[in-house]
C-alpha cells in the first residue's frame, strides 16, 4: 500500500506556508521539541501562530500562542483566564498573589473537567451542552463511562 514517509511538516515547508497570507496558523499535536522547532521556523511571521492542539499539554506547558480547546465550551471564563495568562495579557489582578491564586483555581477547575471528558470529548461535550439546552441532542450512543463523565461534569461545572 501507500506508506507515509513522514508524520511531521518539514520546517522549510512550514516557513513557506507561514508566508501565505490566507493561513493564520497551525494546530500542533505532538512533542515539545517539534513544537519549539515549529515556533522558531515561523517567528518571522507575526500573523502566523502555532497553537497547541491538546489541552493536557497546554495545561502542563502553556505556549505563547494559545490552544485549540473543546473544554472552553464548558468553562469559558476559566479557559480565558488561563489563556490570557499564557499570552501575558491578563491584567485583571494587579497584585501578583491574587493573580496566581485565581490562575491556580481556574487551572484546577479546568483539569478536573478535562479528566472527565478526555477519553471521548466528541461524545461528551455535545451531551453536556445538550443537557444545558444550548444545543440539540445529537443522538450519539453514549457508553456507561461517558454517562458517568457527563454526570460528573454537570456536578462540577456551573450551568451557563
Protein backbone atom coordinates (compact mmCIF):
# COMPACT_ATOMS: atom_id res chain seq x y z
CA UNK A 1 0.00 0.00 0.00
CA UNK A 2 0.67 3.64 0.30
CA UNK A 3 3.15 4.27 3.11
CA UNK A 4 3.61 7.72 4.58
CA UNK A 5 7.25 8.67 4.87
CA UNK A 6 6.75 11.46 7.44
CA UNK A 7 4.26 12.40 10.11
CA UNK A 8 5.60 15.93 10.58
CA UNK A 9 5.78 19.00 8.37
CA UNK A 10 9.34 19.91 7.48
CA UNK A 11 10.30 23.28 8.92
CA UNK A 12 11.40 24.56 5.48
CA UNK A 13 7.90 23.86 4.15
CA UNK A 14 6.31 25.42 7.23
CA UNK A 15 8.35 28.60 6.67
CA UNK A 16 6.88 28.86 3.15
CA UNK A 17 3.35 28.12 4.39
CA UNK A 18 3.67 30.81 7.07
CA UNK A 19 4.22 33.41 4.33
CA UNK A 20 0.82 32.63 2.81
CA UNK A 21 -1.50 35.46 3.99
CA UNK A 22 -4.59 33.22 3.86
CA UNK A 23 -3.15 30.91 6.54
CA UNK A 24 -3.38 32.08 10.16
CA UNK A 25 -1.62 29.25 11.91
CA UNK A 26 -1.00 25.60 12.59
CA UNK A 27 -2.52 23.38 15.26
CA UNK A 28 0.32 21.26 16.62
CA UNK A 29 -0.22 17.99 18.49
CA UNK A 30 2.98 16.34 19.43
CA UNK A 31 6.17 16.56 21.37
CA UNK A 32 7.52 19.78 22.81
CA UNK A 33 10.75 19.67 20.80
CA UNK A 34 8.93 19.56 17.48
CA UNK A 35 6.62 22.37 18.65
CA UNK A 36 9.62 24.54 19.54
CA UNK A 37 11.14 23.88 16.11
CA UNK A 38 7.87 24.99 14.51
CA UNK A 39 7.79 28.14 16.69
CA UNK A 40 11.34 29.04 15.62
CA UNK A 41 10.53 28.39 11.97
CA UNK A 42 7.64 30.89 11.93
CA UNK A 43 8.89 33.56 14.34
CA UNK A 44 9.48 35.97 11.45
CA UNK A 45 5.78 35.82 10.56
CA UNK A 46 3.83 37.64 13.31
CA UNK A 47 0.45 36.83 11.74
CA UNK A 48 1.09 33.07 11.76
CA UNK A 49 0.84 31.24 15.08
CA UNK A 50 1.48 27.68 16.22
CA UNK A 51 -1.38 26.67 18.52
CA UNK A 52 -1.33 23.76 20.94
CA UNK A 53 -3.70 21.05 19.77
CA UNK A 54 -4.01 19.31 23.12
CA UNK A 55 -5.41 20.72 26.32
CA UNK A 56 -3.40 18.49 28.63
CA UNK A 57 -0.09 19.58 27.10
CA UNK A 58 -1.12 23.22 27.19
CA UNK A 59 -2.11 23.00 30.86
CA UNK A 60 1.28 21.49 31.68
CA UNK A 61 3.33 23.83 29.45
CA UNK A 62 1.28 26.75 28.11
CA UNK A 63 2.50 28.05 24.78
CA UNK A 64 2.74 31.70 23.86
CA UNK A 65 0.22 31.29 21.03
CA UNK A 66 -2.76 29.62 22.68
CA UNK A 67 -4.64 26.37 22.43
CA UNK A 68 -7.49 24.79 20.50
CA UNK A 69 -9.76 23.74 23.36
CA UNK A 70 -13.01 21.80 23.33
CA UNK A 71 -13.22 22.27 27.10
CA UNK A 72 -13.61 26.01 26.68
CA UNK A 73 -17.24 25.22 25.89
CA UNK A 74 -17.71 24.05 29.48
CA UNK A 75 -15.62 26.55 31.46
CA UNK A 76 -15.14 29.54 29.16
CA UNK A 77 -14.11 32.01 31.86
CA UNK A 78 -11.53 29.67 33.34
CA UNK A 79 -10.03 28.92 29.93
CA UNK A 80 -9.98 32.65 29.19
CA UNK A 81 -8.06 33.29 32.42
CA UNK A 82 -5.50 30.58 31.65
CA UNK A 83 -5.06 31.60 28.01
CA UNK A 84 -4.73 35.31 28.76
CA UNK A 85 -2.13 34.47 31.37
CA UNK A 86 -0.13 32.33 28.93
CA UNK A 87 -0.25 35.18 26.42
CA UNK A 88 0.75 37.68 29.15
CA UNK A 89 -2.45 39.68 28.58
CA UNK A 90 -4.08 39.22 31.99
CA UNK A 91 -4.14 42.47 33.94
CA UNK A 92 -7.35 41.76 35.87
CA UNK A 93 -5.43 41.16 39.12
CA UNK A 94 -2.91 43.93 39.79
CA UNK A 95 -1.46 42.08 42.78
CA UNK A 96 0.63 39.06 41.82
CA UNK A 97 -0.58 36.85 44.68
CA UNK A 98 -4.23 37.36 43.71
CA UNK A 99 -3.45 36.74 40.06
CA UNK A 100 -1.62 33.50 40.74
CA UNK A 101 -4.30 32.25 43.14
CA UNK A 102 -7.03 32.98 40.58
CA UNK A 103 -4.98 31.29 37.86
CA UNK A 104 -4.33 28.23 40.04
CA UNK A 105 -8.03 27.90 40.94
CA UNK A 106 -9.05 28.21 37.29
CA UNK A 107 -6.49 25.59 36.32
CA UNK A 108 -7.78 23.18 38.96
CA UNK A 109 -11.38 23.51 37.70
CA UNK A 110 -10.28 23.02 34.10
CA UNK A 111 -8.13 19.97 34.93
CA UNK A 112 -10.97 18.38 36.91
CA UNK A 113 -13.39 18.59 34.00
CA UNK A 114 -10.74 17.74 31.42
CA UNK A 115 -10.04 14.38 33.06
CA UNK A 116 -13.76 13.52 32.81
CA UNK A 117 -14.19 14.23 29.08
CA UNK A 118 -10.67 13.44 27.85
CA UNK A 119 -11.47 9.86 26.79
CA UNK A 120 -14.27 10.92 24.39
CA UNK A 121 -14.66 14.71 24.01
CA UNK A 122 -16.61 14.44 20.73
CA UNK A 123 -19.37 12.49 22.51
CA UNK A 124 -19.26 14.05 25.96
CA UNK A 125 -19.05 17.80 25.27
CA UNK A 126 -22.11 17.87 22.96
CA UNK A 127 -24.06 15.79 25.50
CA UNK A 128 -23.24 18.27 28.29
CA UNK A 129 -24.20 21.20 26.06
CA UNK A 130 -27.48 19.41 25.26
CA UNK A 131 -28.13 18.85 28.99
CA UNK A 132 -27.73 22.62 29.42
CA UNK A 133 -30.16 23.06 26.49
CA UNK A 134 -27.58 25.00 24.49
CA UNK A 135 -27.67 22.55 21.57
CA UNK A 136 -29.99 19.76 20.47
CA UNK A 137 -29.14 16.18 21.32
CA UNK A 138 -27.14 14.63 18.51
CA UNK A 139 -28.24 11.03 19.02
CA UNK A 140 -24.76 9.61 19.57
CA UNK A 141 -24.61 6.42 21.59
CA UNK A 142 -23.00 7.04 24.96
CA UNK A 143 -21.14 4.39 26.90
CA UNK A 144 -21.66 3.94 30.65
CA UNK A 145 -18.26 5.62 31.13
CA UNK A 146 -19.49 8.57 29.03
CA UNK A 147 -22.69 8.81 31.11
CA UNK A 148 -20.70 8.87 34.34
CA UNK A 149 -18.37 11.55 32.94
CA UNK A 150 -21.34 13.68 31.90
CA UNK A 151 -22.87 13.40 35.38
CA UNK A 152 -19.57 14.43 36.98
CA UNK A 153 -19.19 17.40 34.66
CA UNK A 154 -22.74 18.54 35.38
CA UNK A 155 -21.94 18.34 39.11
CA UNK A 156 -18.75 20.42 38.78
CA UNK A 157 -19.47 22.94 36.03
CA UNK A 158 -21.79 25.88 36.53
CA UNK A 159 -24.66 25.91 34.06
CA UNK A 160 -24.29 28.94 31.78
